[in-house]
Amino acid sequence: MNETTFRILAALMLFTGAGISTTFRRKADHDSGEKLSRHADGTPMMMVIRVFGLLLWLSPIVYLINPAWMNWSKLGLSEPVRWSGVALGLTCIPIIYWLFSSIGSGITPVSATRREHKLITHGIYRWVRHPLYTVGSSLIVSFGLMADNWFIILLAVLAFIAMAIRTPKEEANLIEKFGDEYREYMKRTGRFLPRFR
């Protein structure tokens, strides 16, 4: 398969996912009229998030501009495995829309909650408390598979780990805000994946 085909598909999925995220985040900031401090998570965590964020965007962009620039991290994946990346990405896009439309103005760039934040327990949040971390990382993994690139996949895994480390603080904020309502919600939902029991 022509490398250009994978680049076009990867670009479409990456920019569609980013476009959905940006649209809903801007709307949430506008509707709430509240600007949350980027320092809510502490300076070390914000530095980690910024560095990973830069690498997470820069590496795929470099691949899209010229795949040869990322040859140093090429895996040599078979075409069917790369197509599995396309399938994973196509699965992620509608889920990204679903989760953003479910949480609405409750989406924040930090672990702090908005003053008027309401506990969301419908849509995808009926089953998973933090679907964005799982689905966002999966979208980047799908890009890495399409790009045949271990470095992009590694960045997705490391970004997920960073978000997982931040999650207890986020949940502590939610417990502080919603108390027993959030504790009960925790009992019946999975943190990153649905609970099947």
N, C-alpha and C. Protein backbone atom coordinates (compact mmCIF):
# COMPACT_ATOMS: atom_id res chain seq x y z
N MET A 1 0.85 -1.20 0.00
CA MET A 1 0.00 0.00 0.00
C MET A 1 0.88 1.25 0.00
N ASN A 2 0.47 2.23 -0.73
CA ASN A 2 1.21 3.48 -0.83
C ASN A 2 1.24 4.19 0.53
N GLU A 3 2.41 4.64 0.93
CA GLU A 3 2.56 5.37 2.20
C GLU A 3 1.65 6.58 2.27
N THR A 4 1.42 7.19 1.10
CA THR A 4 0.57 8.38 1.05
C THR A 4 -0.84 8.09 1.55
N THR A 5 -1.35 6.89 1.26
CA THR A 5 -2.69 6.51 1.72
C THR A 5 -2.77 6.51 3.23
N PHE A 6 -1.77 5.91 3.89
CA PHE A 6 -1.75 5.89 5.34
C PHE A 6 -1.58 7.29 5.92
N ARG A 7 -0.78 8.11 5.26
CA ARG A 7 -0.60 9.50 5.73
C ARG A 7 -1.91 10.27 5.65
N ILE A 8 -2.64 10.12 4.56
CA ILE A 8 -3.91 10.84 4.39
C ILE A 8 -4.91 10.38 5.46
N LEU A 9 -5.02 9.07 5.65
CA LEU A 9 -5.96 8.54 6.65
C LEU A 9 -5.57 8.99 8.05
N ALA A 10 -4.27 8.93 8.34
CA ALA A 10 -3.78 9.35 9.67
C ALA A 10 -4.07 10.83 9.89
N ALA A 11 -3.84 11.65 8.88
CA ALA A 11 -4.08 13.09 9.00
C ALA A 11 -5.57 13.36 9.23
N LEU A 12 -6.42 12.70 8.48
CA LEU A 12 -7.87 12.90 8.63
C LEU A 12 -8.32 12.57 10.04
N MET A 13 -7.84 11.45 10.58
CA MET A 13 -8.27 11.05 11.92
C MET A 13 -7.68 11.95 13.00
N LEU A 14 -6.41 12.28 12.86
CA LEU A 14 -5.76 13.14 13.86
C LEU A 14 -6.44 14.50 13.93
N PHE A 15 -6.66 15.12 12.77
CA PHE A 15 -7.22 16.47 12.76
C PHE A 15 -8.72 16.47 13.05
N THR A 16 -9.41 15.38 12.72
CA THR A 16 -10.83 15.28 13.11
C THR A 16 -10.94 15.19 14.63
N GLY A 17 -10.13 14.31 15.24
CA GLY A 17 -10.13 14.19 16.71
C GLY A 17 -9.76 15.49 17.38
N ALA A 18 -8.73 16.16 16.87
CA ALA A 18 -8.29 17.43 17.44
C ALA A 18 -9.36 18.51 17.25
N GLY A 19 -10.01 18.49 16.10
CA GLY A 19 -11.06 19.48 15.83
C GLY A 19 -12.24 19.32 16.77
N ILE A 20 -12.65 18.09 17.01
CA ILE A 20 -13.75 17.83 17.96
C ILE A 20 -13.36 18.34 19.34
N SER A 21 -12.16 17.97 19.78
CA SER A 21 -11.68 18.37 21.10
C SER A 21 -11.63 19.89 21.23
N THR A 22 -11.03 20.57 20.26
CA THR A 22 -10.89 22.02 20.31
C THR A 22 -12.24 22.72 20.33
N THR A 23 -13.17 22.26 19.50
CA THR A 23 -14.50 22.87 19.42
C THR A 23 -15.22 22.78 20.77
N PHE A 24 -15.24 21.58 21.36
CA PHE A 24 -15.94 21.42 22.62
C PHE A 24 -15.25 22.14 23.78
N ARG A 25 -13.92 22.15 23.76
CA ARG A 25 -13.19 22.83 24.84
C ARG A 25 -13.43 24.34 24.80
N ARG A 26 -13.39 24.91 23.60
CA ARG A 26 -13.65 26.36 23.48
C ARG A 26 -15.06 26.70 23.91
N LYS A 27 -16.01 25.85 23.51
CA LYS A 27 -17.42 26.07 23.90
C LYS A 27 -17.56 25.98 25.42
N ALA A 28 -16.88 25.02 26.04
CA ALA A 28 -16.95 24.87 27.50
C ALA A 28 -16.39 26.10 28.19
N ASP A 29 -15.25 26.61 27.71
CA ASP A 29 -14.67 27.82 28.30
C ASP A 29 -15.62 29.01 28.13
N HIS A 30 -16.21 29.12 26.94
CA HIS A 30 -17.11 30.24 26.65
C HIS A 30 -18.37 30.15 27.49
N ASP A 31 -19.00 28.97 27.51
CA ASP A 31 -20.28 28.81 28.21
C ASP A 31 -20.14 28.98 29.72
N SER A 32 -19.01 28.52 30.26
CA SER A 32 -18.82 28.62 31.72
C SER A 32 -18.38 30.02 32.12
N GLY A 33 -17.72 30.73 31.19
CA GLY A 33 -17.19 32.05 31.50
C GLY A 33 -16.09 32.00 32.54
N GLU A 34 -15.51 30.82 32.69
CA GLU A 34 -14.50 30.62 33.74
C GLU A 34 -13.19 30.16 33.13
N LYS A 35 -12.11 30.79 33.52
CA LYS A 35 -10.79 30.41 33.05
C LYS A 35 -10.06 29.72 34.20
N LEU A 36 -9.80 28.42 34.05
CA LEU A 36 -9.14 27.67 35.12
C LEU A 36 -7.63 27.85 35.03
N SER A 37 -6.99 27.94 36.18
CA SER A 37 -5.54 28.11 36.23
C SER A 37 -4.84 26.85 35.75
N ARG A 38 -3.85 27.04 34.91
CA ARG A 38 -3.05 25.92 34.41
C ARG A 38 -2.15 25.36 35.51
N HIS A 39 -2.08 26.04 36.64
CA HIS A 39 -1.19 25.60 37.73
C HIS A 39 -1.92 24.74 38.75
N ALA A 40 -3.19 24.38 38.46
CA ALA A 40 -3.98 23.60 39.41
C ALA A 40 -3.36 22.24 39.70
N ASP A 41 -2.62 21.70 38.74
CA ASP A 41 -2.01 20.38 38.92
C ASP A 41 -0.59 20.45 39.48
N GLY A 42 -0.09 21.64 39.70
CA GLY A 42 1.27 21.79 40.20
C GLY A 42 2.25 21.92 39.05
N THR A 43 3.34 22.61 39.31
CA THR A 43 4.32 22.90 38.25
C THR A 43 4.96 21.64 37.66
N PRO A 44 5.42 20.66 38.47
CA PRO A 44 6.05 19.47 37.86
C PRO A 44 5.11 18.74 36.89
N MET A 45 3.85 18.53 37.29
CA MET A 45 2.90 17.83 36.42
C MET A 45 2.61 18.64 35.17
N MET A 46 2.48 19.96 35.29
CA MET A 46 2.23 20.79 34.12
C MET A 46 3.42 20.75 33.16
N MET A 47 4.63 20.68 33.69
CA MET A 47 5.82 20.57 32.82
C MET A 47 5.78 19.26 32.04
N VAL A 48 5.44 18.17 32.74
CA VAL A 48 5.34 16.85 32.08
C VAL A 48 4.28 16.91 30.99
N ILE A 49 3.11 17.46 31.32
CA ILE A 49 2.01 17.54 30.35
C ILE A 49 2.40 18.39 29.15
N ARG A 50 3.08 19.50 29.38
CA ARG A 50 3.48 20.37 28.26
C ARG A 50 4.52 19.71 27.37
N VAL A 51 5.50 19.05 27.97
CA VAL A 51 6.54 18.38 27.17
C VAL A 51 5.93 17.26 26.34
N PHE A 52 5.11 16.41 27.00
CA PHE A 52 4.47 15.32 26.27
C PHE A 52 3.51 15.86 25.22
N GLY A 53 2.79 16.92 25.56
CA GLY A 53 1.86 17.52 24.60
C GLY A 53 2.58 18.00 23.35
N LEU A 54 3.72 18.66 23.55
CA LEU A 54 4.50 19.13 22.41
C LEU A 54 4.98 17.97 21.55
N LEU A 55 5.56 16.95 22.20
CA LEU A 55 6.05 15.78 21.46
C LEU A 55 4.91 15.03 20.78
N LEU A 56 3.77 14.93 21.47
CA LEU A 56 2.62 14.21 20.91
C LEU A 56 2.11 14.87 19.64
N TRP A 57 2.20 16.19 19.56
CA TRP A 57 1.78 16.88 18.35
C TRP A 57 2.89 16.96 17.31
N LEU A 58 4.09 17.21 17.78
CA LEU A 58 5.21 17.42 16.85
C LEU A 58 5.55 16.15 16.06
N SER A 59 5.60 15.01 16.74
CA SER A 59 5.99 13.76 16.06
C SER A 59 5.04 13.38 14.93
N PRO A 60 3.71 13.36 15.16
CA PRO A 60 2.82 13.07 14.04
C PRO A 60 2.91 14.09 12.91
N ILE A 61 3.07 15.37 13.26
CA ILE A 61 3.18 16.41 12.22
C ILE A 61 4.43 16.17 11.37
N VAL A 62 5.54 15.83 12.04
CA VAL A 62 6.78 15.55 11.30
C VAL A 62 6.55 14.38 10.35
N TYR A 63 5.89 13.31 10.84
CA TYR A 63 5.59 12.16 9.97
C TYR A 63 4.73 12.59 8.78
N LEU A 64 3.71 13.41 9.03
CA LEU A 64 2.82 13.82 7.95
C LEU A 64 3.54 14.67 6.90
N ILE A 65 4.46 15.51 7.36
CA ILE A 65 5.22 16.35 6.42
C ILE A 65 6.16 15.50 5.58
N ASN A 66 6.92 14.63 6.26
CA ASN A 66 7.89 13.79 5.54
C ASN A 66 8.18 12.54 6.35
N PRO A 67 7.59 11.39 6.00
CA PRO A 67 7.80 10.16 6.77
C PRO A 67 9.27 9.77 6.92
N ALA A 68 10.09 10.15 5.96
CA ALA A 68 11.51 9.79 6.02
C ALA A 68 12.19 10.40 7.24
N TRP A 69 11.69 11.53 7.74
CA TRP A 69 12.28 12.17 8.92
C TRP A 69 12.06 11.34 10.18
N MET A 70 11.09 10.41 10.12
CA MET A 70 10.81 9.55 11.28
C MET A 70 11.28 8.11 11.04
N ASN A 71 12.09 7.89 10.01
CA ASN A 71 12.58 6.53 9.70
C ASN A 71 13.37 5.91 10.85
N TRP A 72 13.98 6.73 11.69
CA TRP A 72 14.79 6.21 12.81
C TRP A 72 13.93 5.43 13.81
N SER A 73 12.61 5.66 13.79
CA SER A 73 11.74 4.94 14.73
C SER A 73 10.71 4.06 14.00
N LYS A 74 11.04 3.67 12.79
CA LYS A 74 10.15 2.81 12.00
C LYS A 74 10.17 1.39 12.58
N LEU A 75 8.99 0.77 12.64
CA LEU A 75 8.86 -0.58 13.18
C LEU A 75 8.99 -1.67 12.12
N GLY A 76 8.55 -1.39 10.91
CA GLY A 76 8.52 -2.42 9.87
C GLY A 76 7.27 -3.28 9.98
N LEU A 77 6.13 -2.65 10.34
CA LEU A 77 4.88 -3.38 10.51
C LEU A 77 4.33 -3.85 9.17
N SER A 78 3.61 -4.97 9.21
CA SER A 78 2.96 -5.47 8.00
C SER A 78 1.77 -4.57 7.67
N GLU A 79 1.33 -4.65 6.42
CA GLU A 79 0.20 -3.84 5.99
C GLU A 79 -1.08 -4.13 6.80
N PRO A 80 -1.40 -5.40 7.08
CA PRO A 80 -2.60 -5.66 7.89
C PRO A 80 -2.54 -5.01 9.29
N VAL A 81 -1.37 -4.99 9.90
CA VAL A 81 -1.24 -4.35 11.21
C VAL A 81 -1.46 -2.84 11.08
N ARG A 82 -0.94 -2.26 10.02
CA ARG A 82 -1.14 -0.82 9.82
C ARG A 82 -2.62 -0.52 9.56
N TRP A 83 -3.31 -1.42 8.86
CA TRP A 83 -4.75 -1.25 8.64
C TRP A 83 -5.52 -1.41 9.95
N SER A 84 -4.98 -2.20 10.89
CA SER A 84 -5.64 -2.30 12.20
C SER A 84 -5.59 -0.94 12.90
N GLY A 85 -4.53 -0.17 12.65
CA GLY A 85 -4.45 1.19 13.16
C GLY A 85 -5.55 2.07 12.58
N VAL A 86 -5.84 1.89 11.29
CA VAL A 86 -6.93 2.63 10.66
C VAL A 86 -8.26 2.27 11.33
N ALA A 87 -8.48 0.96 11.57
CA ALA A 87 -9.72 0.50 12.20
C ALA A 87 -9.85 1.07 13.62
N LEU A 88 -8.74 1.06 14.36
CA LEU A 88 -8.77 1.61 15.72
C LEU A 88 -9.09 3.10 15.69
N GLY A 89 -8.47 3.83 14.79
CA GLY A 89 -8.72 5.27 14.67
C GLY A 89 -10.17 5.56 14.30
N LEU A 90 -10.72 4.78 13.36
CA LEU A 90 -12.12 4.97 12.95
C LEU A 90 -13.07 4.66 14.10
N THR A 91 -12.68 3.78 15.00
CA THR A 91 -13.49 3.48 16.18
C THR A 91 -13.41 4.62 17.18
N CYS A 92 -12.24 5.23 17.32
CA CYS A 92 -12.02 6.29 18.31
C CYS A 92 -12.79 7.58 17.99
N ILE A 93 -12.87 7.95 16.72
CA ILE A 93 -13.45 9.25 16.35
C ILE A 93 -14.89 9.43 16.86
N PRO A 94 -15.81 8.50 16.58
CA PRO A 94 -17.17 8.72 17.10
C PRO A 94 -17.23 8.67 18.63
N ILE A 95 -16.34 7.89 19.25
CA ILE A 95 -16.33 7.84 20.72
C ILE A 95 -15.84 9.18 21.28
N ILE A 96 -14.87 9.80 20.62
CA ILE A 96 -14.40 11.12 21.05
C ILE A 96 -15.55 12.13 21.00
N TYR A 97 -16.32 12.09 19.91
CA TYR A 97 -17.47 13.00 19.81
C TYR A 97 -18.47 12.69 20.92
N TRP A 98 -18.73 11.41 21.16
CA TRP A 98 -19.70 10.98 22.17
C TRP A 98 -19.29 11.47 23.56
N LEU A 99 -18.02 11.32 23.90
CA LEU A 99 -17.60 11.71 25.26
C LEU A 99 -17.62 13.22 25.43
N PHE A 100 -17.20 13.98 24.42
CA PHE A 100 -17.23 15.44 24.54
C PHE A 100 -18.66 15.96 24.58
N SER A 101 -19.54 15.37 23.77
CA SER A 101 -20.93 15.83 23.79
C SER A 101 -21.60 15.43 25.10
N SER A 102 -21.14 14.36 25.73
CA SER A 102 -21.70 13.94 27.03
C SER A 102 -21.27 14.87 28.15
N ILE A 103 -19.98 15.22 28.20
CA ILE A 103 -19.48 16.02 29.33
C ILE A 103 -19.75 17.51 29.14
N GLY A 104 -19.87 17.96 27.90
CA GLY A 104 -20.23 19.36 27.64
C GLY A 104 -19.29 20.34 28.30
N SER A 105 -19.85 21.29 29.06
CA SER A 105 -19.04 22.35 29.67
C SER A 105 -18.23 21.87 30.86
N GLY A 106 -18.37 20.59 31.22
CA GLY A 106 -17.59 20.05 32.33
C GLY A 106 -16.15 19.72 31.97
N ILE A 107 -15.82 19.77 30.68
CA ILE A 107 -14.44 19.44 30.26
C ILE A 107 -13.50 20.56 30.70
N THR A 108 -12.34 20.16 31.27
CA THR A 108 -11.35 21.14 31.72
C THR A 108 -9.96 20.68 31.30
N PRO A 109 -9.03 21.63 31.17
CA PRO A 109 -7.66 21.26 30.79
C PRO A 109 -6.82 20.78 31.98
N VAL A 110 -7.37 20.91 33.17
CA VAL A 110 -6.64 20.54 34.40
C VAL A 110 -7.54 19.66 35.27
N SER A 111 -6.99 19.17 36.38
CA SER A 111 -7.76 18.27 37.24
C SER A 111 -8.81 19.00 38.08
N ALA A 112 -8.75 20.32 38.16
CA ALA A 112 -9.73 21.10 38.91
C ALA A 112 -11.08 21.09 38.20
N THR A 113 -12.15 21.27 38.97
CA THR A 113 -13.49 21.33 38.39
C THR A 113 -13.95 22.79 38.31
N ARG A 114 -14.91 23.03 37.44
CA ARG A 114 -15.49 24.37 37.32
C ARG A 114 -16.45 24.62 38.48
N ARG A 115 -16.70 25.89 38.78
CA ARG A 115 -17.61 26.24 39.88
C ARG A 115 -18.99 25.63 39.70
N GLU A 116 -19.50 25.68 38.46
CA GLU A 116 -20.86 25.18 38.19
C GLU A 116 -20.85 23.76 37.63
N HIS A 117 -19.76 23.05 37.84
CA HIS A 117 -19.63 21.69 37.29
C HIS A 117 -20.71 20.77 37.85
N LYS A 118 -21.33 20.01 36.95
CA LYS A 118 -22.31 19.00 37.36
C LYS A 118 -21.72 17.62 37.10
N LEU A 119 -22.03 16.68 37.96
CA LEU A 119 -21.52 15.32 37.79
C LEU A 119 -22.21 14.68 36.59
N ILE A 120 -21.43 14.26 35.62
CA ILE A 120 -21.96 13.66 34.40
C ILE A 120 -21.93 12.14 34.56
N THR A 121 -23.10 11.53 34.45
CA THR A 121 -23.18 10.06 34.59
C THR A 121 -23.99 9.45 33.44
N HIS A 122 -24.14 10.21 32.35
CA HIS A 122 -24.84 9.67 31.19
C HIS A 122 -23.86 9.55 30.02
N GLY A 123 -24.37 9.02 28.89
CA GLY A 123 -23.48 8.81 27.75
C GLY A 123 -22.41 7.79 28.11
N ILE A 124 -21.22 8.00 27.61
CA ILE A 124 -20.11 7.08 27.90
C ILE A 124 -19.74 7.10 29.39
N TYR A 125 -20.06 8.22 30.05
CA TYR A 125 -19.73 8.35 31.47
C TYR A 125 -20.61 7.47 32.37
N ARG A 126 -21.59 6.84 31.77
CA ARG A 126 -22.38 5.87 32.53
C ARG A 126 -21.54 4.65 32.89
N TRP A 127 -20.51 4.36 32.06
CA TRP A 127 -19.70 3.17 32.26
C TRP A 127 -18.25 3.46 32.66
N VAL A 128 -17.73 4.62 32.23
CA VAL A 128 -16.31 4.93 32.44
C VAL A 128 -16.18 6.35 32.98
N ARG A 129 -15.34 6.52 34.01
CA ARG A 129 -15.19 7.84 34.62
C ARG A 129 -14.25 8.76 33.85
N HIS A 130 -13.23 8.19 33.21
CA HIS A 130 -12.23 9.01 32.51
C HIS A 130 -11.99 8.46 31.09
N PRO A 131 -13.02 8.45 30.25
CA PRO A 131 -12.85 7.86 28.92
C PRO A 131 -11.90 8.64 28.01
N LEU A 132 -11.75 9.94 28.25
CA LEU A 132 -10.89 10.73 27.37
C LEU A 132 -9.45 10.24 27.40
N TYR A 133 -8.95 9.84 28.57
CA TYR A 133 -7.57 9.37 28.66
C TYR A 133 -7.38 8.10 27.85
N THR A 134 -8.34 7.19 27.94
CA THR A 134 -8.25 5.93 27.21
C THR A 134 -8.39 6.14 25.71
N VAL A 135 -9.42 6.88 25.33
CA VAL A 135 -9.72 7.05 23.90
C VAL A 135 -8.68 7.95 23.22
N GLY A 136 -8.27 9.02 23.91
CA GLY A 136 -7.25 9.91 23.34
C GLY A 136 -5.94 9.18 23.11
N SER A 137 -5.51 8.38 24.09
CA SER A 137 -4.27 7.60 23.94
C SER A 137 -4.42 6.57 22.83
N SER A 138 -5.61 5.96 22.75
CA SER A 138 -5.85 4.96 21.69
C SER A 138 -5.78 5.58 20.30
N LEU A 139 -6.26 6.83 20.17
CA LEU A 139 -6.18 7.50 18.88
C LEU A 139 -4.73 7.72 18.47
N ILE A 140 -3.89 8.11 19.42
CA ILE A 140 -2.46 8.31 19.11
C ILE A 140 -1.79 6.97 18.79
N VAL A 141 -2.17 5.90 19.52
CA VAL A 141 -1.65 4.56 19.20
C VAL A 141 -2.05 4.19 17.78
N SER A 142 -3.30 4.47 17.41
CA SER A 142 -3.75 4.15 16.04
C SER A 142 -2.91 4.91 15.02
N PHE A 143 -2.58 6.17 15.33
CA PHE A 143 -1.73 6.96 14.44
C PHE A 143 -0.35 6.31 14.33
N GLY A 144 0.20 5.88 15.47
CA GLY A 144 1.51 5.21 15.46
C GLY A 144 1.51 3.94 14.63
N LEU A 145 0.42 3.18 14.68
CA LEU A 145 0.31 1.96 13.87
C LEU A 145 0.23 2.32 12.39
N MET A 146 -0.59 3.34 12.06
CA MET A 146 -0.68 3.76 10.66
C MET A 146 0.66 4.27 10.15
N ALA A 147 1.37 5.00 11.03
CA ALA A 147 2.66 5.58 10.65
C ALA A 147 3.80 4.56 10.72
N ASP A 148 3.50 3.36 11.30
CA ASP A 148 4.53 2.33 11.46
C ASP A 148 5.68 2.88 12.31
N ASN A 149 5.32 3.45 13.47
CA ASN A 149 6.31 4.20 14.24
C ASN A 149 6.22 3.90 15.74
N TRP A 150 7.27 3.31 16.28
CA TRP A 150 7.27 2.94 17.70
C TRP A 150 7.34 4.16 18.62
N PHE A 151 7.98 5.23 18.18
CA PHE A 151 8.13 6.41 19.03
C PHE A 151 6.77 7.07 19.31
N ILE A 152 5.92 7.14 18.29
CA ILE A 152 4.59 7.74 18.47
C ILE A 152 3.75 6.86 19.40
N ILE A 153 3.85 5.54 19.24
CA ILE A 153 3.12 4.62 20.13
C ILE A 153 3.63 4.78 21.56
N LEU A 154 4.94 4.87 21.73
CA LEU A 154 5.52 5.05 23.07
C LEU A 154 5.03 6.34 23.72
N LEU A 155 4.97 7.42 22.94
CA LEU A 155 4.47 8.70 23.47
C LEU A 155 3.03 8.57 23.95
N ALA A 156 2.21 7.83 23.20
CA ALA A 156 0.81 7.63 23.60
C ALA A 156 0.74 6.89 24.93
N VAL A 157 1.57 5.87 25.09
CA VAL A 157 1.59 5.09 26.33
C VAL A 157 2.06 5.95 27.50
N LEU A 158 3.12 6.72 27.29
CA LEU A 158 3.64 7.59 28.35
C LEU A 158 2.64 8.69 28.72
N ALA A 159 1.94 9.22 27.72
CA ALA A 159 0.92 10.25 28.00
C ALA A 159 -0.21 9.66 28.84
N PHE A 160 -0.60 8.43 28.52
CA PHE A 160 -1.64 7.78 29.31
C PHE A 160 -1.18 7.58 30.75
N ILE A 161 0.07 7.16 30.92
CA ILE A 161 0.62 6.96 32.28
C ILE A 161 0.61 8.28 33.05
N ALA A 162 1.02 9.37 32.39
CA ALA A 162 1.02 10.69 33.05
C ALA A 162 -0.39 11.08 33.49
N MET A 163 -1.37 10.83 32.62
CA MET A 163 -2.76 11.15 32.97
C MET A 163 -3.26 10.25 34.10
N ALA A 164 -2.84 8.98 34.07
CA ALA A 164 -3.24 8.04 35.14
C ALA A 164 -2.67 8.47 36.48
N ILE A 165 -1.45 9.02 36.47
CA ILE A 165 -0.84 9.51 37.71
C ILE A 165 -1.61 10.71 38.25
N ARG A 166 -2.13 11.53 37.34
CA ARG A 166 -2.87 12.72 37.74
C ARG A 166 -4.30 12.40 38.20
N THR A 167 -4.84 11.27 37.78
CA THR A 167 -6.24 10.93 38.03
C THR A 167 -6.64 10.92 39.50
N PRO A 168 -5.85 10.36 40.43
CA PRO A 168 -6.27 10.40 41.84
C PRO A 168 -6.53 11.82 42.36
N LYS A 169 -5.73 12.79 41.92
CA LYS A 169 -5.95 14.17 42.33
C LYS A 169 -7.26 14.68 41.75
N GLU A 170 -7.52 14.34 40.50
CA GLU A 170 -8.76 14.75 39.86
C GLU A 170 -9.96 14.15 40.60
N GLU A 171 -9.85 12.88 40.96
CA GLU A 171 -10.96 12.22 41.66
C GLU A 171 -11.13 12.77 43.08
N ALA A 172 -10.03 13.15 43.71
CA ALA A 172 -10.13 13.78 45.04
C ALA A 172 -10.90 15.09 44.95
N ASN A 173 -10.65 15.87 43.88
CA ASN A 173 -11.40 17.12 43.66
C ASN A 173 -12.89 16.84 43.46
N LEU A 174 -13.19 15.76 42.73
CA LEU A 174 -14.58 15.42 42.46
C LEU A 174 -15.29 14.91 43.72
N ILE A 175 -14.56 14.17 44.56
CA ILE A 175 -15.12 13.72 45.84
C ILE A 175 -15.39 14.93 46.74
N GLU A 176 -14.45 15.88 46.74
CA GLU A 176 -14.63 17.09 47.54
C GLU A 176 -15.88 17.86 47.10
N LYS A 177 -16.12 17.88 45.78
CA LYS A 177 -17.25 18.65 45.24
C LYS A 177 -18.58 17.89 45.38
N PHE A 178 -18.55 16.58 45.10
CA PHE A 178 -19.81 15.83 45.04
C PHE A 178 -20.00 14.82 46.18
N GLY A 179 -18.98 14.59 46.98
CA GLY A 179 -19.10 13.73 48.15
C GLY A 179 -19.55 12.31 47.84
N ASP A 180 -20.57 11.83 48.57
CA ASP A 180 -21.02 10.44 48.44
C ASP A 180 -21.58 10.13 47.06
N GLU A 181 -22.10 11.16 46.38
CA GLU A 181 -22.62 10.94 45.02
C GLU A 181 -21.50 10.43 44.11
N TYR A 182 -20.30 11.05 44.25
CA TYR A 182 -19.18 10.60 43.42
C TYR A 182 -18.64 9.26 43.90
N ARG A 183 -18.62 9.03 45.21
CA ARG A 183 -18.16 7.74 45.74
C ARG A 183 -19.03 6.59 45.21
N GLU A 184 -20.34 6.81 45.16
CA GLU A 184 -21.25 5.79 44.62
C GLU A 184 -21.01 5.59 43.13
N TYR A 185 -20.77 6.69 42.44
CA TYR A 185 -20.46 6.63 41.01
C TYR A 185 -19.19 5.82 40.77
N MET A 186 -18.19 5.99 41.62
CA MET A 186 -16.94 5.24 41.50
C MET A 186 -17.17 3.74 41.67
N LYS A 187 -18.10 3.38 42.54
CA LYS A 187 -18.35 1.96 42.81
C LYS A 187 -18.95 1.24 41.61
N ARG A 188 -19.70 1.95 40.79
CA ARG A 188 -20.38 1.27 39.69
C ARG A 188 -19.74 1.49 38.32
N THR A 189 -18.66 2.23 38.26
CA THR A 189 -18.00 2.49 36.98
C THR A 189 -16.52 2.15 37.03
N GLY A 190 -15.94 1.91 35.87
CA GLY A 190 -14.50 1.71 35.78
C GLY A 190 -13.80 3.04 35.63
N ARG A 191 -12.54 3.08 36.03
CA ARG A 191 -11.78 4.34 35.91
C ARG A 191 -11.46 4.66 34.46
N PHE A 192 -10.87 3.70 33.75
CA PHE A 192 -10.47 3.93 32.36
C PHE A 192 -11.18 3.02 31.36
N LEU A 193 -11.71 1.91 31.84
CA LEU A 193 -12.43 0.95 31.00
C LEU A 193 -13.72 0.57 31.72
N PRO A 194 -14.74 0.14 30.97
CA PRO A 194 -15.99 -0.27 31.64
C PRO A 194 -15.75 -1.44 32.58
N ARG A 195 -16.55 -1.49 33.63
CA ARG A 195 -16.54 -2.62 34.55
C ARG A 195 -17.55 -3.64 34.05
N PHE A 196 -17.11 -4.86 33.85
CA PHE A 196 -18.00 -5.86 33.25
C PHE A 196 -18.63 -6.81 34.26
N ARG A 197 -18.38 -6.60 35.54
CA ARG A 197 -19.01 -7.49 36.53
C ARG A 197 -20.25 -6.84 37.11
